[in-house]
PDB file of N, CA and C in Angstrom:
ATOM      1  N   MET A   1     -44.048 -78.802 -22.327  1.00  0.00           N
ATOM      2  CA  MET A   1     -44.790 -77.618 -22.732  1.00  0.00           C
ATOM      3  C   MET A   1     -44.359 -77.259 -24.148  1.00  0.00           C
ATOM      4  N   GLY A   2     -45.309 -76.962 -25.023  1.00  0.00           N
ATOM      5  CA  GLY A   2     -44.989 -76.607 -26.401  1.00  0.00           C
ATOM      6  C   GLY A   2     -44.251 -75.290 -26.499  1.00  0.00           C
ATOM      7  N   GLU A   3     -43.453 -75.154 -27.550  1.00  0.00           N
ATOM      8  CA  GLU A   3     -42.662 -73.929 -27.729  1.00  0.00           C
ATOM      9  C   GLU A   3     -43.538 -72.683 -27.776  1.00  0.00           C
ATOM     10  N   LYS A   4     -44.722 -72.781 -28.408  1.00  0.00           N
ATOM     11  CA  LYS A   4     -45.581 -71.603 -28.532  1.00  0.00           C
ATOM     12  C   LYS A   4     -46.131 -71.140 -27.188  1.00  0.00           C
ATOM     13  N   ASN A   5     -46.215 -72.043 -26.221  1.00  0.00           N
ATOM     14  CA  ASN A   5     -46.783 -71.705 -24.918  1.00  0.00           C
ATOM     15  C   ASN A   5     -45.755 -71.228 -23.910  1.00  0.00           C
ATOM     16  N   LYS A   6     -44.496 -71.206 -24.298  1.00  0.00           N
ATOM     17  CA  LYS A   6     -43.449 -70.823 -23.346  1.00  0.00           C
ATOM     18  C   LYS A   6     -43.477 -69.321 -23.076  1.00  0.00           C
ATOM     19  N   LYS A   7     -43.035 -69.000 -21.884  1.00  0.00           N
ATOM     20  CA  LYS A   7     -42.843 -67.609 -21.498  1.00  0.00           C
ATOM     21  C   LYS A   7     -41.415 -67.259 -21.889  1.00  0.00           C
ATOM     22  N   ILE A   8     -41.225 -66.170 -22.602  1.00  0.00           N
ATOM     23  CA  ILE A   8     -39.893 -65.762 -23.052  1.00  0.00           C
ATOM     24  C   ILE A   8     -39.335 -64.763 -22.046  1.00  0.00           C
ATOM     25  N   LEU A   9     -38.220 -65.128 -21.434  1.00  0.00           N
ATOM     26  CA  LEU A   9     -37.554 -64.266 -20.466  1.00  0.00           C
ATOM     27  C   LEU A   9     -36.328 -63.666 -21.142  1.00  0.00           C
ATOM     28  N   ILE A  10     -36.323 -62.345 -21.312  1.00  0.00           N
ATOM     29  CA  ILE A  10     -35.191 -61.635 -21.915  1.00  0.00           C
ATOM     30  C   ILE A  10     -34.413 -60.982 -20.774  1.00  0.00           C
ATOM     31  N   TYR A  11     -33.125 -61.291 -20.697  1.00  0.00           N
ATOM     32  CA  TYR A  11     -32.301 -60.791 -19.599  1.00  0.00           C
ATOM     33  C   TYR A  11     -30.967 -60.289 -20.139  1.00  0.00           C
ATOM     34  N   ASP A  12     -30.233 -59.564 -19.300  1.00  0.00           N
ATOM     35  CA  ASP A  12     -28.926 -59.020 -19.665  1.00  0.00           C
ATOM     36  C   ASP A  12     -27.846 -60.015 -19.266  1.00  0.00           C
ATOM     37  N   GLY A  13     -27.300 -60.729 -20.235  1.00  0.00           N
ATOM     38  CA  GLY A  13     -26.295 -61.747 -19.978  1.00  0.00           C
ATOM     39  C   GLY A  13     -24.969 -61.203 -19.473  1.00  0.00           C
ATOM     40  N   SER A  14     -24.762 -59.889 -19.550  1.00  0.00           N
ATOM     41  CA  SER A  14     -23.513 -59.309 -19.048  1.00  0.00           C
ATOM     42  C   SER A  14     -23.656 -58.810 -17.608  1.00  0.00           C
ATOM     43  N   CYS A  15     -24.823 -58.983 -17.032  1.00  0.00           N
ATOM     44  CA  CYS A  15     -25.108 -58.536 -15.660  1.00  0.00           C
ATOM     45  C   CYS A  15     -25.069 -59.739 -14.723  1.00  0.00           C
ATOM     46  N   ARG A  16     -24.245 -59.650 -13.686  1.00  0.00           N
ATOM     47  CA  ARG A  16     -24.116 -60.766 -12.742  1.00  0.00           C
ATOM     48  C   ARG A  16     -25.436 -61.040 -12.024  1.00  0.00           C
ATOM     49  N   VAL A  17     -26.157 -60.003 -11.613  1.00  0.00           N
ATOM     50  CA  VAL A  17     -27.436 -60.178 -10.929  1.00  0.00           C
ATOM     51  C   VAL A  17     -28.415 -60.903 -11.854  1.00  0.00           C
ATOM     52  N   CYS A  18     -28.477 -60.462 -13.105  1.00  0.00           N
ATOM     53  CA  CYS A  18     -29.380 -61.078 -14.076  1.00  0.00           C
ATOM     54  C   CYS A  18     -28.996 -62.529 -14.351  1.00  0.00           C
ATOM     55  N   THR A  19     -27.694 -62.787 -14.443  1.00  0.00           N
ATOM     56  CA  THR A  19     -27.218 -64.135 -14.733  1.00  0.00           C
ATOM     57  C   THR A  19     -27.535 -65.082 -13.582  1.00  0.00           C
ATOM     58  N   VAL A  20     -27.379 -64.622 -12.356  1.00  0.00           N
ATOM     59  CA  VAL A  20     -27.739 -65.448 -11.200  1.00  0.00           C
ATOM     60  C   VAL A  20     -29.241 -65.723 -11.215  1.00  0.00           C
ATOM     61  N   GLY A  21     -30.040 -64.700 -11.530  1.00  0.00           N
ATOM     62  CA  GLY A  21     -31.482 -64.886 -11.640  1.00  0.00           C
ATOM     63  C   GLY A  21     -31.835 -65.891 -12.722  1.00  0.00           C
ATOM     64  N   LYS A  22     -31.189 -65.780 -13.857  1.00  0.00           N
ATOM     65  CA  LYS A  22     -31.417 -66.715 -14.975  1.00  0.00           C
ATOM     66  C   LYS A  22     -31.088 -68.138 -14.553  1.00  0.00           C
ATOM     67  N   GLN A  23     -29.962 -68.325 -13.889  1.00  0.00           N
ATOM     68  CA  GLN A  23     -29.566 -69.666 -13.445  1.00  0.00           C
ATOM     69  C   GLN A  23     -30.567 -70.223 -12.436  1.00  0.00           C
ATOM     70  N   SER A  24     -31.088 -69.371 -11.576  1.00  0.00           N
ATOM     71  CA  SER A  24     -32.100 -69.803 -10.612  1.00  0.00           C
ATOM     72  C   SER A  24     -33.359 -70.262 -11.319  1.00  0.00           C
ATOM     73  N   VAL A  25     -33.783 -69.512 -12.333  1.00  0.00           N
ATOM     74  CA  VAL A  25     -34.967 -69.906 -13.101  1.00  0.00           C
ATOM     75  C   VAL A  25     -34.707 -71.238 -13.793  1.00  0.00           C
ATOM     76  N   GLU A  26     -33.552 -71.384 -14.413  1.00  0.00           N
ATOM     77  CA  GLU A  26     -33.231 -72.651 -15.090  1.00  0.00           C
ATOM     78  C   GLU A  26     -33.272 -73.826 -14.107  1.00  0.00           C
ATOM     79  N   ASN A  27     -32.760 -73.621 -12.905  1.00  0.00           N
ATOM     80  CA  ASN A  27     -32.722 -74.694 -11.905  1.00  0.00           C
ATOM     81  C   ASN A  27     -34.093 -75.015 -11.324  1.00  0.00           C
ATOM     82  N   ARG A  28     -34.965 -74.025 -11.220  1.00  0.00           N
ATOM     83  CA  ARG A  28     -36.265 -74.214 -10.556  1.00  0.00           C
ATOM     84  C   ARG A  28     -37.433 -74.412 -11.513  1.00  0.00           C
ATOM     85  N   ASP A  29     -37.221 -74.188 -12.803  1.00  0.00           N
ATOM     86  CA  ASP A  29     -38.295 -74.308 -13.801  1.00  0.00           C
ATOM     87  C   ASP A  29     -38.421 -75.768 -14.246  1.00  0.00           C
ATOM     88  N   ARG A  30     -38.940 -76.585 -13.364  1.00  0.00           N
ATOM     89  CA  ARG A  30     -39.042 -78.022 -13.644  1.00  0.00           C
ATOM     90  C   ARG A  30     -40.013 -78.332 -14.776  1.00  0.00           C
ATOM     91  N   ALA A  31     -40.983 -77.469 -14.986  1.00  0.00           N
ATOM     92  CA  ALA A  31     -41.971 -77.685 -16.042  1.00  0.00           C
ATOM     93  C   ALA A  31     -41.485 -77.182 -17.399  1.00  0.00           C
ATOM     94  N   GLY A  32     -40.337 -76.530 -17.437  1.00  0.00           N
ATOM     95  CA  GLY A  32     -39.816 -76.016 -18.704  1.00  0.00           C
ATOM     96  C   GLY A  32     -40.682 -74.927 -19.315  1.00  0.00           C
ATOM     97  N   GLN A  33     -41.194 -74.047 -18.463  1.00  0.00           N
ATOM     98  CA  GLN A  33     -42.103 -72.989 -18.915  1.00  0.00           C
ATOM     99  C   GLN A  33     -41.399 -71.827 -19.597  1.00  0.00           C
ATOM    100  N   PHE A  34     -40.109 -71.619 -19.258  1.00  0.00           N
ATOM    101  CA  PHE A  34     -39.417 -70.415 -19.713  1.00  0.00           C
ATOM    102  C   PHE A  34     -38.422 -70.708 -20.826  1.00  0.00           C
ATOM    103  N   ASP A  35     -38.461 -69.863 -21.827  1.00  0.00           N
ATOM    104  CA  ASP A  35     -37.457 -69.827 -22.889  1.00  0.00           C
ATOM    105  C   ASP A  35     -36.614 -68.601 -22.568  1.00  0.00           C
ATOM    106  N   ILE A  36     -35.363 -68.809 -22.164  1.00  0.00           N
ATOM    107  CA  ILE A  36     -34.529 -67.724 -21.657  1.00  0.00           C
ATOM    108  C   ILE A  36     -33.596 -67.240 -22.759  1.00  0.00           C
ATOM    109  N   VAL A  37     -33.638 -65.919 -23.023  1.00  0.00           N
ATOM    110  CA  VAL A  37     -32.914 -65.328 -24.142  1.00  0.00           C
ATOM    111  C   VAL A  37     -32.060 -64.158 -23.652  1.00  0.00           C
ATOM    112  N   ASP A  38     -30.788 -64.175 -24.008  1.00  0.00           N
ATOM    113  CA  ASP A  38     -29.878 -63.070 -23.687  1.00  0.00           C
ATOM    114  C   ASP A  38     -30.231 -61.878 -24.581  1.00  0.00           C
ATOM    115  N   MET A  39     -30.347 -60.701 -23.976  1.00  0.00           N
ATOM    116  CA  MET A  39     -30.714 -59.500 -24.746  1.00  0.00           C
ATOM    117  C   MET A  39     -29.679 -59.152 -25.808  1.00  0.00           C
ATOM    118  N   HIS A  40     -28.434 -59.632 -25.651  1.00  0.00           N
ATOM    119  CA  HIS A  40     -27.364 -59.312 -26.592  1.00  0.00           C
ATOM    120  C   HIS A  40     -27.327 -60.258 -27.793  1.00  0.00           C
ATOM    121  N   SER A  41     -28.103 -61.340 -27.730  1.00  0.00           N
ATOM    122  CA  SER A  41     -28.142 -62.289 -28.836  1.00  0.00           C
ATOM    123  C   SER A  41     -28.975 -61.704 -29.978  1.00  0.00           C
ATOM    124  N   GLU A  42     -28.828 -62.273 -31.153  1.00  0.00           N
ATOM    125  CA  GLU A  42     -29.623 -61.808 -32.303  1.00  0.00           C
ATOM    126  C   GLU A  42     -31.115 -61.942 -32.002  1.00  0.00           C
ATOM    127  N   ARG A  43     -31.496 -63.077 -31.422  1.00  0.00           N
ATOM    128  CA  ARG A  43     -32.913 -63.278 -31.083  1.00  0.00           C
ATOM    129  C   ARG A  43     -33.367 -62.273 -30.036  1.00  0.00           C
ATOM    130  N   GLY A  44     -32.514 -62.026 -29.030  1.00  0.00           N
ATOM    131  CA  GLY A  44     -32.856 -61.057 -27.998  1.00  0.00           C
ATOM    132  C   GLY A  44     -33.059 -59.666 -28.568  1.00  0.00           C
ATOM    133  N   LYS A  45     -32.172 -59.264 -29.475  1.00  0.00           N
ATOM    134  CA  LYS A  45     -32.308 -57.946 -30.118  1.00  0.00           C
ATOM    135  C   LYS A  45     -33.577 -57.876 -30.948  1.00  0.00           C
ATOM    136  N   ALA A  46     -33.877 -58.952 -31.671  1.00  0.00           N
ATOM    137  CA  ALA A  46     -35.082 -58.975 -32.508  1.00  0.00           C
ATOM    138  C   ALA A  46     -36.345 -58.891 -31.643  1.00  0.00           C
ATOM    139  N   LEU A  47     -36.369 -59.606 -30.535  1.00  0.00           N
ATOM    140  CA  LEU A  47     -37.540 -59.563 -29.646  1.00  0.00           C
ATOM    141  C   LEU A  47     -37.710 -58.189 -29.015  1.00  0.00           C
ATOM    142  N   GLN A  48     -36.606 -57.567 -28.629  1.00  0.00           N
ATOM    143  CA  GLN A  48     -36.692 -56.211 -28.067  1.00  0.00           C
ATOM    144  C   GLN A  48     -37.288 -55.245 -29.077  1.00  0.00           C
ATOM    145  N   GLN A  49     -36.834 -55.367 -30.312  1.00  0.00           N
ATOM    146  CA  GLN A  49     -37.352 -54.486 -31.360  1.00  0.00           C
ATOM    147  C   GLN A  49     -38.818 -54.795 -31.646  1.00  0.00           C
ATOM    148  N   GLN A  50     -39.158 -56.068 -31.744  1.00  0.00           N
ATOM    149  CA  GLN A  50     -40.531 -56.468 -32.039  1.00  0.00           C
ATOM    150  C   GLN A  50     -41.520 -55.963 -30.992  1.00  0.00           C
ATOM    151  N   TYR A  51     -41.127 -56.022 -29.724  1.00  0.00           N
ATOM    152  CA  TYR A  51     -42.037 -55.637 -28.642  1.00  0.00           C
ATOM    153  C   TYR A  51     -41.789 -54.234 -28.118  1.00  0.00           C
ATOM    154  N   GLY A  52     -40.802 -53.534 -28.668  1.00  0.00           N
ATOM    155  CA  GLY A  52     -40.538 -52.156 -28.265  1.00  0.00           C
ATOM    156  C   GLY A  52     -40.080 -52.030 -26.831  1.00  0.00           C
ATOM    157  N   VAL A  53     -39.216 -52.952 -26.394  1.00  0.00           N
ATOM    158  CA  VAL A  53     -38.714 -52.924 -25.018  1.00  0.00           C
ATOM    159  C   VAL A  53     -37.220 -52.653 -25.013  1.00  0.00           C
ATOM    160  N   ASP A  54     -36.732 -52.170 -23.880  1.00  0.00           N
ATOM    161  CA  ASP A  54     -35.313 -51.887 -23.705  1.00  0.00           C
ATOM    162  C   ASP A  54     -34.817 -52.698 -22.519  1.00  0.00           C
ATOM    163  N   ALA A  55     -34.135 -53.797 -22.791  1.00  0.00           N
ATOM    164  CA  ALA A  55     -33.673 -54.693 -21.735  1.00  0.00           C
ATOM    165  C   ALA A  55     -32.541 -54.095 -20.911  1.00  0.00           C
ATOM    166  N   GLU A  56     -32.050 -52.909 -21.293  1.00  0.00           N
ATOM    167  CA  GLU A  56     -31.068 -52.220 -20.448  1.00  0.00           C
ATOM    168  C   GLU A  56     -31.744 -51.702 -19.184  1.00  0.00           C
ATOM    169  N   LYS A  57     -33.050 -51.448 -19.243  1.00  0.00           N
ATOM    170  CA  LYS A  57     -33.782 -50.889 -18.107  1.00  0.00           C
ATOM    171  C   LYS A  57     -34.448 -51.952 -17.250  1.00  0.00           C
ATOM    172  N   SER A  58     -34.765 -53.099 -17.845  1.00  0.00           N
ATOM    173  CA  SER A  58     -35.446 -54.157 -17.110  1.00  0.00           C
ATOM    174  C   SER A  58     -35.354 -55.445 -17.907  1.00  0.00           C
ATOM    175  N   ALA A  59     -35.312 -56.557 -17.202  1.00  0.00           N
ATOM    176  CA  ALA A  59     -35.533 -57.836 -17.867  1.00  0.00           C
ATOM    177  C   ALA A  59     -37.023 -57.886 -18.198  1.00  0.00           C
ATOM    178  N   PHE A  60     -37.406 -58.746 -19.127  1.00  0.00           N
ATOM    179  CA  PHE A  60     -38.796 -58.821 -19.555  1.00  0.00           C
ATOM    180  C   PHE A  60     -39.244 -60.258 -19.671  1.00  0.00           C
ATOM    181  N   VAL A  61     -40.526 -60.470 -19.446  1.00  0.00           N
ATOM    182  CA  VAL A  61     -41.155 -61.739 -19.769  1.00  0.00           C
ATOM    183  C   VAL A  61     -42.257 -61.428 -20.767  1.00  0.00           C
ATOM    184  N   ILE A  62     -42.250 -62.163 -21.854  1.00  0.00           N
ATOM    185  CA  ILE A  62     -43.292 -62.030 -22.876  1.00  0.00           C
ATOM    186  C   ILE A  62     -44.069 -63.339 -22.871  1.00  0.00           C
ATOM    187  N   GLU A  63     -45.374 -63.214 -22.702  1.00  0.00           N
ATOM    188  CA  GLU A  63     -46.246 -64.391 -22.668  1.00  0.00           C
ATOM    189  C   GLU A  63     -47.544 -64.050 -23.379  1.00  0.00           C
ATOM    190  N   SER A  64     -47.845 -64.794 -24.413  1.00  0.00           N
ATOM    191  CA  SER A  64     -49.078 -64.572 -25.187  1.00  0.00           C
ATOM    192  C   SER A  64     -49.208 -63.119 -25.621  1.00  0.00           C
ATOM    193  N   GLY A  65     -48.091 -62.504 -26.020  1.00  0.00           N
ATOM    194  CA  GLY A  65     -48.102 -61.128 -26.496  1.00  0.00           C
ATOM    195  C   GLY A  65     -48.106 -60.079 -25.404  1.00  0.00           C
ATOM    196  N   ILE A  66     -48.187 -60.495 -24.153  1.00  0.00           N
ATOM    197  CA  ILE A  66     -48.180 -59.569 -23.018  1.00  0.00           C
ATOM    198  C   ILE A  66     -46.747 -59.425 -22.516  1.00  0.00           C
ATOM    199  N   VAL A  67     -46.306 -58.181 -22.345  1.00  0.00           N
ATOM    200  CA  VAL A  67     -44.954 -57.901 -21.872  1.00  0.00           C
ATOM    201  C   VAL A  67     -45.018 -57.482 -20.408  1.00  0.00           C
ATOM    202  N   ARG A  68     -44.255 -58.178 -19.584  1.00  0.00           N
ATOM    203  CA  ARG A  68     -44.160 -57.837 -18.161  1.00  0.00           C
ATOM    204  C   ARG A  68     -42.747 -57.338 -17.904  1.00  0.00           C
ATOM    205  N   GLU A  69     -42.644 -56.276 -17.111  1.00  0.00           N
ATOM    206  CA  GLU A  69     -41.334 -55.705 -16.817  1.00  0.00           C
ATOM    207  C   GLU A  69     -41.225 -55.382 -15.335  1.00  0.00           C
ATOM    208  N   LYS A  70     -40.019 -55.049 -14.950  1.00  0.00           N
ATOM    209  CA  LYS A  70     -39.692 -54.622 -13.586  1.00  0.00           C
ATOM    210  C   LYS A  70     -40.243 -55.594 -12.546  1.00  0.00           C
ATOM    211  N   SER A  71     -40.859 -55.083 -11.494  1.00  0.00           N
ATOM    212  CA  SER A  71     -41.295 -55.958 -10.397  1.00  0.00           C
ATOM    213  C   SER A  71     -42.376 -56.930 -10.855  1.00  0.00           C
ATOM    214  N   ASP A  72     -43.237 -56.521 -11.770  1.00  0.00           N
ATOM    215  CA  ASP A  72     -44.272 -57.432 -12.269  1.00  0.00           C
ATOM    216  C   ASP A  72     -43.632 -58.632 -12.950  1.00  0.00           C
ATOM    217  N   MET A  73     -42.562 -58.402 -13.704  1.00  0.00           N
ATOM    218  CA  MET A  73     -41.834 -59.487 -14.360  1.00  0.00           C
ATOM    219  C   MET A  73     -41.235 -60.414 -13.318  1.00  0.00           C
ATOM    220  N   ALA A  74     -40.521 -59.854 -12.341  1.00  0.00           N
ATOM    221  CA  ALA A  74     -39.842 -60.669 -11.330  1.00  0.00           C
ATOM    222  C   ALA A  74     -40.853 -61.504 -10.537  1.00  0.00           C
ATOM    223  N   LEU A  75     -41.942 -60.880 -10.127  1.00  0.00           N
ATOM    224  CA  LEU A  75     -42.944 -61.606  -9.352  1.00  0.00           C
ATOM    225  C   LEU A  75     -43.657 -62.652 -10.199  1.00  0.00           C
ATOM    226  N   HIS A  76     -43.897 -62.351 -11.469  1.00  0.00           N
ATOM    227  CA  HIS A  76     -44.526 -63.322 -12.375  1.00  0.00           C
ATOM    228  C   HIS A  76     -43.635 -64.548 -12.547  1.00  0.00           C
ATOM    229  N   VAL A  77     -42.337 -64.324 -12.687  1.00  0.00           N
ATOM    230  CA  VAL A  77     -41.403 -65.448 -12.793  1.00  0.00           C
ATOM    231  C   VAL A  77     -41.483 -66.288 -11.521  1.00  0.00           C
ATOM    232  N   LEU A  78     -41.410 -65.641 -10.368  1.00  0.00           N
ATOM    233  CA  LEU A  78     -41.474 -66.374  -9.098  1.00  0.00           C
ATOM    234  C   LEU A  78     -42.775 -67.168  -8.962  1.00  0.00           C
ATOM    235  N   GLU A  79     -43.869 -66.572  -9.405  1.00  0.00           N
ATOM    236  CA  GLU A  79     -45.175 -67.240  -9.304  1.00  0.00           C
ATOM    237  C   GLU A  79     -45.251 -68.518 -10.137  1.00  0.00           C
ATOM    238  N   ASN A  80     -44.352 -68.660 -11.086  1.00  0.00           N
ATOM    239  CA  ASN A  80     -44.376 -69.819 -11.977  1.00  0.00           C
ATOM    240  C   ASN A  80     -43.289 -70.841 -11.667  1.00  0.00           C
ATOM    241  N   LEU A  81     -42.685 -70.748 -10.487  1.00  0.00           N
ATOM    242  CA  LEU A  81     -41.638 -71.700 -10.106  1.00  0.00           C
ATOM    243  C   LEU A  81     -42.150 -72.573  -8.956  1.00  0.00           C
ATOM    244  N   GLY A  82     -41.350 -72.832  -7.954  1.00  0.00           N
ATOM    245  CA  GLY A  82     -41.726 -73.724  -6.861  1.00  0.00           C
ATOM    246  C   GLY A  82     -42.579 -73.053  -5.800  1.00  0.00           C
ATOM    247  N   TRP A  83     -42.956 -73.863  -4.796  1.00  0.00           N
ATOM    248  CA  TRP A  83     -43.841 -73.352  -3.751  1.00  0.00           C
ATOM    249  C   TRP A  83     -43.201 -72.202  -2.976  1.00  0.00           C
ATOM    250  N   PHE A  84     -41.906 -72.278  -2.700  1.00  0.00           N
ATOM    251  CA  PHE A  84     -41.245 -71.212  -1.954  1.00  0.00           C
ATOM    252  C   PHE A  84     -41.257 -69.906  -2.741  1.00  0.00           C
ATOM    253  N   GLU A  85     -40.968 -69.981  -4.034  1.00  0.00           N
ATOM    254  CA  GLU A  85     -40.969 -68.781  -4.883  1.00  0.00           C
ATOM    255  C   GLU A  85     -42.367 -68.180  -4.975  1.00  0.00           C
ATOM    256  N   ARG A  86     -43.391 -69.036  -5.068  1.00  0.00           N
ATOM    257  CA  ARG A  86     -44.774 -68.530  -5.098  1.00  0.00           C
ATOM    258  C   ARG A  86     -45.100 -67.801  -3.787  1.00  0.00           C
ATOM    259  N   PHE A  87     -44.630 -68.348  -2.663  1.00  0.00           N
ATOM    260  CA  PHE A  87     -44.834 -67.712  -1.360  1.00  0.00           C
ATOM    261  C   PHE A  87     -44.175 -66.333  -1.328  1.00  0.00           C
ATOM    262  N   VAL A  88     -42.924 -66.253  -1.784  1.00  0.00           N
ATOM    263  CA  VAL A  88     -42.199 -64.973  -1.826  1.00  0.00           C
ATOM    264  C   VAL A  88     -42.942 -63.973  -2.730  1.00  0.00           C
ATOM    265  N   ALA A  89     -43.433 -64.466  -3.881  1.00  0.00           N
ATOM    266  CA  ALA A  89     -44.159 -63.587  -4.803  1.00  0.00           C
ATOM    267  C   ALA A  89     -45.425 -63.041  -4.160  1.00  0.00           C
ATOM    268  N   ARG A  90     -46.126 -63.865  -3.409  1.00  0.00           N
ATOM    269  CA  ARG A  90     -47.343 -63.389  -2.731  1.00  0.00           C
ATOM    270  C   ARG A  90     -47.016 -62.258  -1.761  1.00  0.00           C
ATOM    271  N   ILE A  91     -45.931 -62.409  -1.048  1.00  0.00           N
ATOM    272  CA  ILE A  91     -45.501 -61.339  -0.134  1.00  0.00           C
ATOM    273  C   ILE A  91     -45.139 -60.096  -0.951  1.00  0.00           C
ATOM    274  N   GLY A  92     -44.407 -60.286  -2.053  1.00  0.00           N
ATOM    275  CA  GLY A  92     -44.021 -59.168  -2.916  1.00  0.00           C
ATOM    276  C   GLY A  92     -45.213 -58.427  -3.495  1.00  0.00           C
ATOM    277  N   ARG A  93     -46.292 -59.161  -3.782  1.00  0.00           N
ATOM    278  CA  ARG A  93     -47.490 -58.535  -4.357  1.00  0.00           C
ATOM    279  C   ARG A  93     -48.218 -57.665  -3.336  1.00  0.00           C
ATOM    280  N   LEU A  94     -47.869 -57.784  -2.069  1.00  0.00           N
ATOM    281  CA  LEU A  94     -48.480 -56.926  -1.045  1.00  0.00           C
ATOM    282  C   LEU A  94     -47.969 -55.489  -1.135  1.00  0.00           C
ATOM    283  N   LEU A  95     -46.764 -55.317  -1.686  1.00  0.00           N
ATOM    284  CA  LEU A  95     -46.223 -53.966  -1.863  1.00  0.00           C
ATOM    285  C   LEU A  95     -46.969 -53.250  -2.992  1.00  0.00           C
ATOM    286  N   PRO A  96     -47.168 -51.955  -2.855  1.00  0.00           N
ATOM    287  CA  PRO A  96     -47.710 -51.215  -3.996  1.00  0.00           C
ATOM    288  C   PRO A  96     -46.738 -51.357  -5.177  1.00  0.00           C
ATOM    289  N   GLN A  97     -47.273 -51.500  -6.391  1.00  0.00           N
ATOM    290  CA  GLN A  97     -46.407 -51.737  -7.546  1.00  0.00           C
ATOM    291  C   GLN A  97     -45.394 -50.616  -7.734  1.00  0.00           C
ATOM    292  N   LYS A  98     -45.786 -49.387  -7.457  1.00  0.00           N
ATOM    293  CA  LYS A  98     -44.843 -48.272  -7.609  1.00  0.00           C
ATOM    294  C   LYS A  98     -43.636 -48.454  -6.688  1.00  0.00           C
ATOM    295  N   ALA A  99     -43.872 -48.881  -5.463  1.00  0.00           N
ATOM    296  CA  ALA A  99     -42.773 -49.116  -4.512  1.00  0.00           C
ATOM    297  C   ALA A  99     -41.909 -50.291  -4.973  1.00  0.00           C
ATOM    298  N   ALA A 100     -42.551 -51.370  -5.392  1.00  0.00           N
ATOM    299  CA  ALA A 100     -41.807 -52.535  -5.858  1.00  0.00           C
ATOM    300  C   ALA A 100     -40.994 -52.193  -7.105  1.00  0.00           C
ATOM    301  N   ASP A 101     -41.570 -51.411  -8.019  1.00  0.00           N
ATOM    302  CA  ASP A 101     -40.838 -50.988  -9.221  1.00  0.00           C
ATOM    303  C   ASP A 101     -39.659 -50.094  -8.865  1.00  0.00           C
ATOM    304  N   SER A 102     -39.828 -49.260  -7.840  1.00  0.00           N
ATOM    305  CA  SER A 102     -38.725 -48.396  -7.412  1.00  0.00           C
ATOM    306  C   SER A 102     -37.552 -49.221  -6.892  1.00  0.00           C
ATOM    307  N   ILE A 103     -37.854 -50.261  -6.144  1.00  0.00           N
ATOM    308  CA  ILE A 103     -36.795 -51.158  -5.646  1.00  0.00           C
ATOM    309  C   ILE A 103     -36.116 -51.845  -6.823  1.00  0.00           C
ATOM    310  N   TYR A 104     -36.918 -52.376  -7.751  1.00  0.00           N
ATOM    311  CA  TYR A 104     -36.357 -53.045  -8.933  1.00  0.00           C
ATOM    312  C   TYR A 104     -35.469 -52.082  -9.719  1.00  0.00           C
ATOM    313  N   SER A 105     -35.957 -50.878  -9.962  1.00  0.00           N
ATOM    314  CA  SER A 105     -35.213 -49.891 -10.752  1.00  0.00           C
ATOM    315  C   SER A 105     -33.916 -49.485 -10.063  1.00  0.00           C
ATOM    316  N   PHE A 106     -33.936 -49.371  -8.731  1.00  0.00           N
ATOM    317  CA  PHE A 106     -32.718 -49.038  -7.992  1.00  0.00           C
ATOM    318  C   PHE A 106     -31.654 -50.118  -8.211  1.00  0.00           C
ATOM    319  N   ILE A 107     -32.060 -51.370  -8.095  1.00  0.00           N
ATOM    320  CA  ILE A 107     -31.117 -52.474  -8.307  1.00  0.00           C
ATOM    321  C   ILE A 107     -30.633 -52.478  -9.754  1.00  0.00           C
ATOM    322  N   ALA A 108     -31.539 -52.291 -10.709  1.00  0.00           N
ATOM    323  CA  ALA A 108     -31.156 -52.293 -12.128  1.00  0.00           C
ATOM    324  C   ALA A 108     -30.184 -51.160 -12.456  1.00  0.00           C
ATOM    325  N   ARG A 109     -30.441 -49.977 -11.911  1.00  0.00           N
ATOM    326  CA  ARG A 109     -29.560 -48.831 -12.156  1.00  0.00           C
ATOM    327  C   ARG A 109     -28.171 -49.024 -11.567  1.00  0.00           C
ATOM    328  N   ASN A 110     -28.112 -49.748 -10.478  1.00  0.00           N
ATOM    329  CA  ASN A 110     -26.863 -49.903  -9.728  1.00  0.00           C
ATOM    330  C   ASN A 110     -26.289 -51.307  -9.836  1.00  0.00           C
ATOM    331  N   ARG A 111     -26.667 -52.037 -10.851  1.00  0.00           N
ATOM    332  CA  ARG A 111     -26.205 -53.421 -10.965  1.00  0.00           C
ATOM    333  C   ARG A 111     -24.705 -53.528 -11.187  1.00  0.00           C
ATOM    334  N   LYS A 112     -24.077 -52.429 -11.591  1.00  0.00           N
ATOM    335  CA  LYS A 112     -22.620 -52.449 -11.753  1.00  0.00           C
ATOM    336  C   LYS A 112     -21.930 -52.740 -10.429  1.00  0.00           C
ATOM    337  N   TRP A 113     -22.577 -52.400  -9.298  1.00  0.00           N
ATOM    338  CA  TRP A 113     -22.006 -52.701  -7.986  1.00  0.00           C
ATOM    339  C   TRP A 113     -21.792 -54.206  -7.817  1.00  0.00           C
ATOM    340  N   PHE A 114     -22.693 -54.998  -8.410  1.00  0.00           N
ATOM    341  CA  PHE A 114     -22.657 -56.445  -8.248  1.00  0.00           C
ATOM    342  C   PHE A 114     -21.743 -57.128  -9.262  1.00  0.00           C
ATOM    343  N   ASN A 115     -21.275 -56.382 -10.247  1.00  0.00           N
ATOM    344  CA  ASN A 115     -20.477 -56.968 -11.329  1.00  0.00           C
ATOM    345  C   ASN A 115     -18.988 -56.942 -11.053  1.00  0.00           C
ATOM    346  N   ARG A 116     -18.601 -56.665  -9.853  1.00  0.00           N
ATOM    347  CA  ARG A 116     -17.165 -56.574  -9.518  1.00  0.00           C
ATOM    348  C   ARG A 116     -16.594 -57.923  -9.188  1.00  0.00           C
TER     349      ARG A 116
END
């Protein structure tokens, strides 16, 4: 896949939950669709500024100028991996987005629990 067509995933490299998610994407992204960027890197900071996002509140996927965050981001990532992840994403899409975002935000707010 060409560099211009990649989905850019911006994540918090200091968060254990985010790092495990990043490693899962790296392991399951057989097509090489994702360009994964740590929010603390120079490129990560530049992308956050360019797109007006705050990766402290959510990881983000940027694709063709479209920014996906919170549950939409997580489900979009899953939809672009293997058959099992696509199945999980379909189930996740059954939840109202507000409910799914609330779950995502709860985990993001409390991610320090997982960093011990």
